[in-house]
Amino acid sequence: MYMYPDNLKAKATLWLWELRDIGIIGVGLLISVFALSQVGFMLPIVVTAAYAFLSIRFEDTSILDFIRYACAFFIFKQQMYEWRS
């Protein structure tokens, strides 16, 4: 008997990232290492590391999604206020 996660509708994940994110991080690391070794430019590796951190997923919510939800709740969306006299 084989058990499949979420009835074969779940996204493919590896460790804490989706496979699409791992591909983007891998390509970013290749470009970053090339830029660092040839030009001495560190910005691509910083951007790749920031993307890798922000795309970590816990239970279908990434860190970037959590930051967006928190900003929307605390800053950008008006909360419901009732004034009673």
PDB file of N, CA and C in Angstrom:
ATOM      1  N   MET A   1       0.851  -1.173   0.000  1.00  0.00           N
ATOM      2  CA  MET A   1       0.000   0.000   0.000  1.00  0.00           C
ATOM      3  C   MET A   1       0.897   1.236   0.000  1.00  0.00           C
ATOM      4  N   TYR A   2       0.644   2.123  -0.944  1.00  0.00           N
ATOM      5  CA  TYR A   2       1.382   3.365  -1.057  1.00  0.00           C
ATOM      6  C   TYR A   2       0.504   4.512  -0.578  1.00  0.00           C
ATOM      7  N   MET A   3       1.105   5.447   0.125  1.00  0.00           N
ATOM      8  CA  MET A   3       0.362   6.617   0.594  1.00  0.00           C
ATOM      9  C   MET A   3       0.953   7.844  -0.074  1.00  0.00           C
ATOM     10  N   TYR A   4       0.110   8.606  -0.712  1.00  0.00           N
ATOM     11  CA  TYR A   4       0.548   9.812  -1.397  1.00  0.00           C
ATOM     12  C   TYR A   4       0.106  11.038  -0.605  1.00  0.00           C
ATOM     13  N   PRO A   5       0.950  12.058  -0.522  1.00  0.00           N
ATOM     14  CA  PRO A   5       0.551  13.256   0.238  1.00  0.00           C
ATOM     15  C   PRO A   5      -0.499  14.068  -0.492  1.00  0.00           C
ATOM     16  N   ASP A   6      -1.497  14.475   0.227  1.00  0.00           N
ATOM     17  CA  ASP A   6      -2.547  15.375  -0.265  1.00  0.00           C
ATOM     18  C   ASP A   6      -3.155  14.931  -1.586  1.00  0.00           C
ATOM     19  N   ASN A   7      -3.322  13.641  -1.752  1.00  0.00           N
ATOM     20  CA  ASN A   7      -4.042  13.115  -2.912  1.00  0.00           C
ATOM     21  C   ASN A   7      -3.394  13.543  -4.231  1.00  0.00           C
ATOM     22  N   LEU A   8      -2.084  13.601  -4.265  1.00  0.00           N
ATOM     23  CA  LEU A   8      -1.282  13.988  -5.434  1.00  0.00           C
ATOM     24  C   LEU A   8      -1.508  15.429  -5.880  1.00  0.00           C
ATOM     25  N   LYS A   9      -2.035  16.266  -5.026  1.00  0.00           N
ATOM     26  CA  LYS A   9      -2.272  17.666  -5.385  1.00  0.00           C
ATOM     27  C   LYS A   9      -1.291  18.607  -4.700  1.00  0.00           C
ATOM     28  N   ALA A  10      -0.428  18.093  -3.843  1.00  0.00           N
ATOM     29  CA  ALA A  10       0.538  18.937  -3.141  1.00  0.00           C
ATOM     30  C   ALA A  10       1.689  19.286  -4.081  1.00  0.00           C
ATOM     31  N   LYS A  11       2.287  20.442  -3.842  1.00  0.00           N
ATOM     32  CA  LYS A  11       3.437  20.858  -4.638  1.00  0.00           C
ATOM     33  C   LYS A  11       4.658  20.067  -4.195  1.00  0.00           C
ATOM     34  N   ALA A  12       5.545  19.799  -5.132  1.00  0.00           N
ATOM     35  CA  ALA A  12       6.754  19.052  -4.824  1.00  0.00           C
ATOM     36  C   ALA A  12       7.688  19.905  -3.976  1.00  0.00           C
ATOM     37  N   THR A  13       8.136  19.362  -2.865  1.00  0.00           N
ATOM     38  CA  THR A  13       9.021  20.098  -1.977  1.00  0.00           C
ATOM     39  C   THR A  13      10.266  19.271  -1.685  1.00  0.00           C
ATOM     40  N   LEU A  14      11.338  19.969  -1.364  1.00  0.00           N
ATOM     41  CA  LEU A  14      12.581  19.339  -0.955  1.00  0.00           C
ATOM     42  C   LEU A  14      13.112  20.148   0.210  1.00  0.00           C
ATOM     43  N   TRP A  15      13.257  19.521   1.360  1.00  0.00           N
ATOM     44  CA  TRP A  15      13.618  20.165   2.610  1.00  0.00           C
ATOM     45  C   TRP A  15      12.608  21.251   2.945  1.00  0.00           C
ATOM     46  N   LEU A  16      12.987  22.512   2.901  1.00  0.00           N
ATOM     47  CA  LEU A  16      12.065  23.587   3.288  1.00  0.00           C
ATOM     48  C   LEU A  16      11.614  24.441   2.116  1.00  0.00           C
ATOM     49  N   TRP A  17      11.967  24.057   0.887  1.00  0.00           N
ATOM     50  CA  TRP A  17      11.650  24.850  -0.285  1.00  0.00           C
ATOM     51  C   TRP A  17      10.859  24.017  -1.287  1.00  0.00           C
ATOM     52  N   GLU A  18      10.089  24.713  -2.140  1.00  0.00           N
ATOM     53  CA  GLU A  18       9.486  24.048  -3.283  1.00  0.00           C
ATOM     54  C   GLU A  18      10.583  23.820  -4.316  1.00  0.00           C
ATOM     55  N   LEU A  19      10.377  22.872  -5.202  1.00  0.00           N
ATOM     56  CA  LEU A  19      11.413  22.551  -6.185  1.00  0.00           C
ATOM     57  C   LEU A  19      11.698  23.718  -7.118  1.00  0.00           C
ATOM     58  N   ARG A  20      10.702  24.526  -7.414  1.00  0.00           N
ATOM     59  CA  ARG A  20      10.912  25.713  -8.247  1.00  0.00           C
ATOM     60  C   ARG A  20      11.881  26.668  -7.559  1.00  0.00           C
ATOM     61  N   ASP A  21      11.705  26.846  -6.255  1.00  0.00           N
ATOM     62  CA  ASP A  21      12.598  27.726  -5.500  1.00  0.00           C
ATOM     63  C   ASP A  21      14.019  27.177  -5.453  1.00  0.00           C
ATOM     64  N   ILE A  22      14.158  25.865  -5.333  1.00  0.00           N
ATOM     65  CA  ILE A  22      15.504  25.269  -5.318  1.00  0.00           C
ATOM     66  C   ILE A  22      16.186  25.496  -6.658  1.00  0.00           C
ATOM     67  N   GLY A  23      15.449  25.413  -7.753  1.00  0.00           N
ATOM     68  CA  GLY A  23      16.028  25.700  -9.070  1.00  0.00           C
ATOM     69  C   GLY A  23      16.489  27.141  -9.185  1.00  0.00           C
ATOM     70  N   ILE A  24      15.662  28.064  -8.712  1.00  0.00           N
ATOM     71  CA  ILE A  24      16.018  29.491  -8.765  1.00  0.00           C
ATOM     72  C   ILE A  24      17.233  29.768  -7.882  1.00  0.00           C
ATOM     73  N   ILE A  25      17.270  29.158  -6.698  1.00  0.00           N
ATOM     74  CA  ILE A  25      18.404  29.349  -5.794  1.00  0.00           C
ATOM     75  C   ILE A  25      19.682  28.768  -6.412  1.00  0.00           C
ATOM     76  N   GLY A  26      19.571  27.599  -7.055  1.00  0.00           N
ATOM     77  CA  GLY A  26      20.737  26.994  -7.693  1.00  0.00           C
ATOM     78  C   GLY A  26      21.303  27.843  -8.813  1.00  0.00           C
ATOM     79  N   VAL A  27      20.437  28.341  -9.688  1.00  0.00           N
ATOM     80  CA  VAL A  27      20.889  29.210 -10.783  1.00  0.00           C
ATOM     81  C   VAL A  27      21.460  30.506 -10.218  1.00  0.00           C
ATOM     82  N   GLY A  28      20.816  31.047  -9.192  1.00  0.00           N
ATOM     83  CA  GLY A  28      21.319  32.257  -8.552  1.00  0.00           C
ATOM     84  C   GLY A  28      22.689  32.051  -7.933  1.00  0.00           C
ATOM     85  N   LEU A  29      22.900  30.884  -7.331  1.00  0.00           N
ATOM     86  CA  LEU A  29      24.213  30.599  -6.756  1.00  0.00           C
ATOM     87  C   LEU A  29      25.287  30.466  -7.832  1.00  0.00           C
ATOM     88  N   LEU A  30      24.945  29.849  -8.953  1.00  0.00           N
ATOM     89  CA  LEU A  30      25.915  29.748 -10.052  1.00  0.00           C
ATOM     90  C   LEU A  30      26.311  31.130 -10.565  1.00  0.00           C
ATOM     91  N   ILE A  31      25.321  31.971 -10.789  1.00  0.00           N
ATOM     92  CA  ILE A  31      25.605  33.335 -11.256  1.00  0.00           C
ATOM     93  C   ILE A  31      26.375  34.111 -10.191  1.00  0.00           C
ATOM     94  N   SER A  32      26.028  33.908  -8.930  1.00  0.00           N
ATOM     95  CA  SER A  32      26.698  34.610  -7.837  1.00  0.00           C
ATOM     96  C   SER A  32      28.166  34.215  -7.723  1.00  0.00           C
ATOM     97  N   VAL A  33      28.432  32.924  -7.807  1.00  0.00           N
ATOM     98  CA  VAL A  33      29.818  32.462  -7.715  1.00  0.00           C
ATOM     99  C   VAL A  33      30.620  32.981  -8.901  1.00  0.00           C
ATOM    100  N   PHE A  34      30.040  32.968 -10.085  1.00  0.00           N
ATOM    101  CA  PHE A  34      30.736  33.502 -11.258  1.00  0.00           C
ATOM    102  C   PHE A  34      31.023  34.992 -11.092  1.00  0.00           C
ATOM    103  N   ALA A  35      30.019  35.755 -10.644  1.00  0.00           N
ATOM    104  CA  ALA A  35      30.207  37.198 -10.461  1.00  0.00           C
ATOM    105  C   ALA A  35      31.239  37.480  -9.372  1.00  0.00           C
ATOM    106  N   LEU A  36      31.237  36.688  -8.322  1.00  0.00           N
ATOM    107  CA  LEU A  36      32.186  36.904  -7.234  1.00  0.00           C
ATOM    108  C   LEU A  36      33.616  36.555  -7.658  1.00  0.00           C
ATOM    109  N   SER A  37      33.775  35.472  -8.404  1.00  0.00           N
ATOM    110  CA  SER A  37      35.127  35.062  -8.777  1.00  0.00           C
ATOM    111  C   SER A  37      35.711  35.897  -9.913  1.00  0.00           C
ATOM    112  N   GLN A  38      34.890  36.346 -10.841  1.00  0.00           N
ATOM    113  CA  GLN A  38      35.396  37.069 -11.998  1.00  0.00           C
ATOM    114  C   GLN A  38      35.446  38.585 -11.780  1.00  0.00           C
ATOM    115  N   VAL A  39      34.457  39.119 -11.131  1.00  0.00           N
ATOM    116  CA  VAL A  39      34.340  40.569 -11.006  1.00  0.00           C
ATOM    117  C   VAL A  39      34.566  41.037  -9.565  1.00  0.00           C
ATOM    118  N   GLY A  40      34.348  40.151  -8.595  1.00  0.00           N
ATOM    119  CA  GLY A  40      34.447  40.544  -7.197  1.00  0.00           C
ATOM    120  C   GLY A  40      33.220  41.268  -6.704  1.00  0.00           C
ATOM    121  N   PHE A  41      32.083  41.040  -7.355  1.00  0.00           N
ATOM    122  CA  PHE A  41      30.821  41.706  -7.075  1.00  0.00           C
ATOM    123  C   PHE A  41      29.989  40.810  -6.160  1.00  0.00           C
ATOM    124  N   MET A  42      29.633  41.279  -4.948  1.00  0.00           N
ATOM    125  CA  MET A  42      28.942  40.442  -3.965  1.00  0.00           C
ATOM    126  C   MET A  42      27.426  40.593  -3.949  1.00  0.00           C
ATOM    127  N   LEU A  43      26.873  41.542  -4.674  1.00  0.00           N
ATOM    128  CA  LEU A  43      25.431  41.765  -4.628  1.00  0.00           C
ATOM    129  C   LEU A  43      24.613  40.540  -5.060  1.00  0.00           C
ATOM    130  N   PRO A  44      24.992  39.804  -6.124  1.00  0.00           N
ATOM    131  CA  PRO A  44      24.167  38.639  -6.491  1.00  0.00           C
ATOM    132  C   PRO A  44      24.090  37.572  -5.404  1.00  0.00           C
ATOM    133  N   ILE A  45      25.161  37.349  -4.677  1.00  0.00           N
ATOM    134  CA  ILE A  45      25.109  36.328  -3.627  1.00  0.00           C
ATOM    135  C   ILE A  45      24.254  36.792  -2.447  1.00  0.00           C
ATOM    136  N   VAL A  46      24.233  38.081  -2.188  1.00  0.00           N
ATOM    137  CA  VAL A  46      23.381  38.623  -1.126  1.00  0.00           C
ATOM    138  C   VAL A  46      21.910  38.499  -1.521  1.00  0.00           C
ATOM    139  N   VAL A  47      21.601  38.822  -2.779  1.00  0.00           N
ATOM    140  CA  VAL A  47      20.217  38.703  -3.266  1.00  0.00           C
ATOM    141  C   VAL A  47      19.772  37.248  -3.252  1.00  0.00           C
ATOM    142  N   THR A  48      20.650  36.332  -3.659  1.00  0.00           N
ATOM    143  CA  THR A  48      20.314  34.905  -3.658  1.00  0.00           C
ATOM    144  C   THR A  48      20.081  34.398  -2.240  1.00  0.00           C
ATOM    145  N   ALA A  49      20.915  34.810  -1.304  1.00  0.00           N
ATOM    146  CA  ALA A  49      20.739  34.394   0.094  1.00  0.00           C
ATOM    147  C   ALA A  49      19.442  34.960   0.678  1.00  0.00           C
ATOM    148  N   ALA A  50      19.122  36.202   0.345  1.00  0.00           N
ATOM    149  CA  ALA A  50      17.867  36.796   0.828  1.00  0.00           C
ATOM    150  C   ALA A  50      16.659  36.063   0.245  1.00  0.00           C
ATOM    151  N   TYR A  51      16.726  35.720  -1.057  1.00  0.00           N
ATOM    152  CA  TYR A  51      15.627  34.963  -1.671  1.00  0.00           C
ATOM    153  C   TYR A  51      15.499  33.585  -1.035  1.00  0.00           C
ATOM    154  N   ALA A  52      16.637  32.939  -0.780  1.00  0.00           N
ATOM    155  CA  ALA A  52      16.606  31.610  -0.157  1.00  0.00           C
ATOM    156  C   ALA A  52      15.966  31.680   1.228  1.00  0.00           C
ATOM    157  N   PHE A  53      16.283  32.714   1.998  1.00  0.00           N
ATOM    158  CA  PHE A  53      15.688  32.857   3.325  1.00  0.00           C
ATOM    159  C   PHE A  53      14.197  33.154   3.246  1.00  0.00           C
ATOM    160  N   LEU A  54      13.811  34.078   2.359  1.00  0.00           N
ATOM    161  CA  LEU A  54      12.402  34.480   2.288  1.00  0.00           C
ATOM    162  C   LEU A  54      11.503  33.426   1.664  1.00  0.00           C
ATOM    163  N   SER A  55      12.065  32.463   0.929  1.00  0.00           N
ATOM    164  CA  SER A  55      11.237  31.447   0.286  1.00  0.00           C
ATOM    165  C   SER A  55      11.132  30.160   1.097  1.00  0.00           C
ATOM    166  N   ILE A  56      11.677  30.128   2.311  1.00  0.00           N
ATOM    167  CA  ILE A  56      11.518  28.959   3.182  1.00  0.00           C
ATOM    168  C   ILE A  56      10.036  28.806   3.501  1.00  0.00           C
ATOM    169  N   ARG A  57       9.529  27.577   3.399  1.00  0.00           N
ATOM    170  CA  ARG A  57       8.101  27.319   3.617  1.00  0.00           C
ATOM    171  C   ARG A  57       7.887  26.435   4.833  1.00  0.00           C
ATOM    172  N   PHE A  58       6.905  26.825   5.652  1.00  0.00           N
ATOM    173  CA  PHE A  58       6.415  26.013   6.757  1.00  0.00           C
ATOM    174  C   PHE A  58       4.917  25.884   6.571  1.00  0.00           C
ATOM    175  N   GLU A  59       4.436  24.672   6.349  1.00  0.00           N
ATOM    176  CA  GLU A  59       3.006  24.399   6.192  1.00  0.00           C
ATOM    177  C   GLU A  59       2.359  25.304   5.160  1.00  0.00           C
ATOM    178  N   ASP A  60       2.902  25.345   3.968  1.00  0.00           N
ATOM    179  CA  ASP A  60       2.379  26.087   2.815  1.00  0.00           C
ATOM    180  C   ASP A  60       2.383  27.601   2.998  1.00  0.00           C
ATOM    181  N   THR A  61       3.156  28.134   3.910  1.00  0.00           N
ATOM    182  CA  THR A  61       3.299  29.578   4.067  1.00  0.00           C
ATOM    183  C   THR A  61       4.782  29.903   4.125  1.00  0.00           C
ATOM    184  N   SER A  62       5.214  30.753   3.207  1.00  0.00           N
ATOM    185  CA  SER A  62       6.620  31.132   3.206  1.00  0.00           C
ATOM    186  C   SER A  62       6.847  32.293   4.171  1.00  0.00           C
ATOM    187  N   ILE A  63       8.093  32.553   4.456  1.00  0.00           N
ATOM    188  CA  ILE A  63       8.427  33.667   5.345  1.00  0.00           C
ATOM    189  C   ILE A  63       8.001  34.984   4.704  1.00  0.00           C
ATOM    190  N   LEU A  64       8.158  35.111   3.386  1.00  0.00           N
ATOM    191  CA  LEU A  64       7.720  36.321   2.698  1.00  0.00           C
ATOM    192  C   LEU A  64       6.203  36.505   2.801  1.00  0.00           C
ATOM    193  N   ASP A  65       5.439  35.413   2.659  1.00  0.00           N
ATOM    194  CA  ASP A  65       3.987  35.500   2.831  1.00  0.00           C
ATOM    195  C   ASP A  65       3.629  35.966   4.244  1.00  0.00           C
ATOM    196  N   PHE A  66       4.325  35.425   5.250  1.00  0.00           N
ATOM    197  CA  PHE A  66       4.061  35.827   6.634  1.00  0.00           C
ATOM    198  C   PHE A  66       4.342  37.311   6.832  1.00  0.00           C
ATOM    199  N   ILE A  67       5.438  37.810   6.263  1.00  0.00           N
ATOM    200  CA  ILE A  67       5.762  39.233   6.385  1.00  0.00           C
ATOM    201  C   ILE A  67       4.698  40.079   5.691  1.00  0.00           C
ATOM    202  N   ARG A  68       4.231  39.633   4.523  1.00  0.00           N
ATOM    203  CA  ARG A  68       3.155  40.362   3.818  1.00  0.00           C
ATOM    204  C   ARG A  68       1.881  40.402   4.654  1.00  0.00           C
ATOM    205  N   TYR A  69       1.494  39.251   5.232  1.00  0.00           N
ATOM    206  CA  TYR A  69       0.282  39.203   6.051  1.00  0.00           C
ATOM    207  C   TYR A  69       0.413  40.109   7.270  1.00  0.00           C
ATOM    208  N   ALA A  70       1.581  40.103   7.903  1.00  0.00           N
ATOM    209  CA  ALA A  70       1.793  40.939   9.081  1.00  0.00           C
ATOM    210  C   ALA A  70       1.737  42.419   8.721  1.00  0.00           C
ATOM    211  N   CYS A  71       2.355  42.812   7.604  1.00  0.00           N
ATOM    212  CA  CYS A  71       2.306  44.219   7.179  1.00  0.00           C
ATOM    213  C   CYS A  71       0.890  44.634   6.828  1.00  0.00           C
ATOM    214  N   ALA A  72       0.162  43.753   6.160  1.00  0.00           N
ATOM    215  CA  ALA A  72      -1.222  44.077   5.823  1.00  0.00           C
ATOM    216  C   ALA A  72      -2.061  44.238   7.090  1.00  0.00           C
ATOM    217  N   PHE A  73      -1.845  43.370   8.066  1.00  0.00           N
ATOM    218  CA  PHE A  73      -2.641  43.442   9.287  1.00  0.00           C
ATOM    219  C   PHE A  73      -2.293  44.669  10.121  1.00  0.00           C
ATOM    220  N   PHE A  74      -1.001  44.944  10.292  1.00  0.00           N
ATOM    221  CA  PHE A  74      -0.599  46.015  11.197  1.00  0.00           C
ATOM    222  C   PHE A  74      -0.500  47.387  10.534  1.00  0.00           C
ATOM    223  N   ILE A  75      -0.264  47.447   9.226  1.00  0.00           N
ATOM    224  CA  ILE A  75       0.028  48.738   8.605  1.00  0.00           C
ATOM    225  C   ILE A  75      -0.979  49.127   7.526  1.00  0.00           C
ATOM    226  N   PHE A  76      -1.186  48.271   6.533  1.00  0.00           N
ATOM    227  CA  PHE A  76      -1.870  48.694   5.314  1.00  0.00           C
ATOM    228  C   PHE A  76      -3.382  48.540   5.320  1.00  0.00           C
ATOM    229  N   LYS A  77      -3.940  47.598   6.024  1.00  0.00           N
ATOM    230  CA  LYS A  77      -5.391  47.389   6.022  1.00  0.00           C
ATOM    231  C   LYS A  77      -5.998  47.989   7.276  1.00  0.00           C
ATOM    232  N   GLN A  78      -7.128  48.657   7.079  1.00  0.00           N
ATOM    233  CA  GLN A  78      -7.810  49.246   8.223  1.00  0.00           C
ATOM    234  C   GLN A  78      -8.540  48.159   8.989  1.00  0.00           C
ATOM    235  N   GLN A  79      -8.414  48.216  10.296  1.00  0.00           N
ATOM    236  CA  GLN A  79      -9.109  47.265  11.147  1.00  0.00           C
ATOM    237  C   GLN A  79     -10.517  47.790  11.427  1.00  0.00           C
ATOM    238  N   MET A  80     -11.405  46.921  11.867  1.00  0.00           N
ATOM    239  CA  MET A  80     -12.777  47.306  12.173  1.00  0.00           C
ATOM    240  C   MET A  80     -12.827  47.925  13.569  1.00  0.00           C
ATOM    241  N   TYR A  81     -13.305  49.144  13.644  1.00  0.00           N
ATOM    242  CA  TYR A  81     -13.445  49.828  14.930  1.00  0.00           C
ATOM    243  C   TYR A  81     -14.901  50.193  15.141  1.00  0.00           C
ATOM    244  N   GLU A  82     -15.403  49.937  16.326  1.00  0.00           N
ATOM    245  CA  GLU A  82     -16.760  50.330  16.679  1.00  0.00           C
ATOM    246  C   GLU A  82     -16.697  51.319  17.821  1.00  0.00           C
ATOM    247  N   TRP A  83     -17.344  52.442  17.638  1.00  0.00           N
ATOM    248  CA  TRP A  83     -17.396  53.459  18.686  1.00  0.00           C
ATOM    249  C   TRP A  83     -18.755  53.398  19.359  1.00  0.00           C
ATOM    250  N   ARG A  84     -18.752  53.265  20.644  1.00  0.00           N
ATOM    251  CA  ARG A  84     -20.011  53.254  21.391  1.00  0.00           C
ATOM    252  C   ARG A  84     -19.996  54.401  22.380  1.00  0.00           C
ATOM    253  N   SER A  85     -21.146  55.039  22.518  1.00  0.00           N
ATOM    254  CA  SER A  85     -21.195  56.156  23.474  1.00  0.00           C
ATOM    255  C   SER A  85     -21.904  55.798  24.737  1.00  0.00           C
TER     256      SER A  85
END
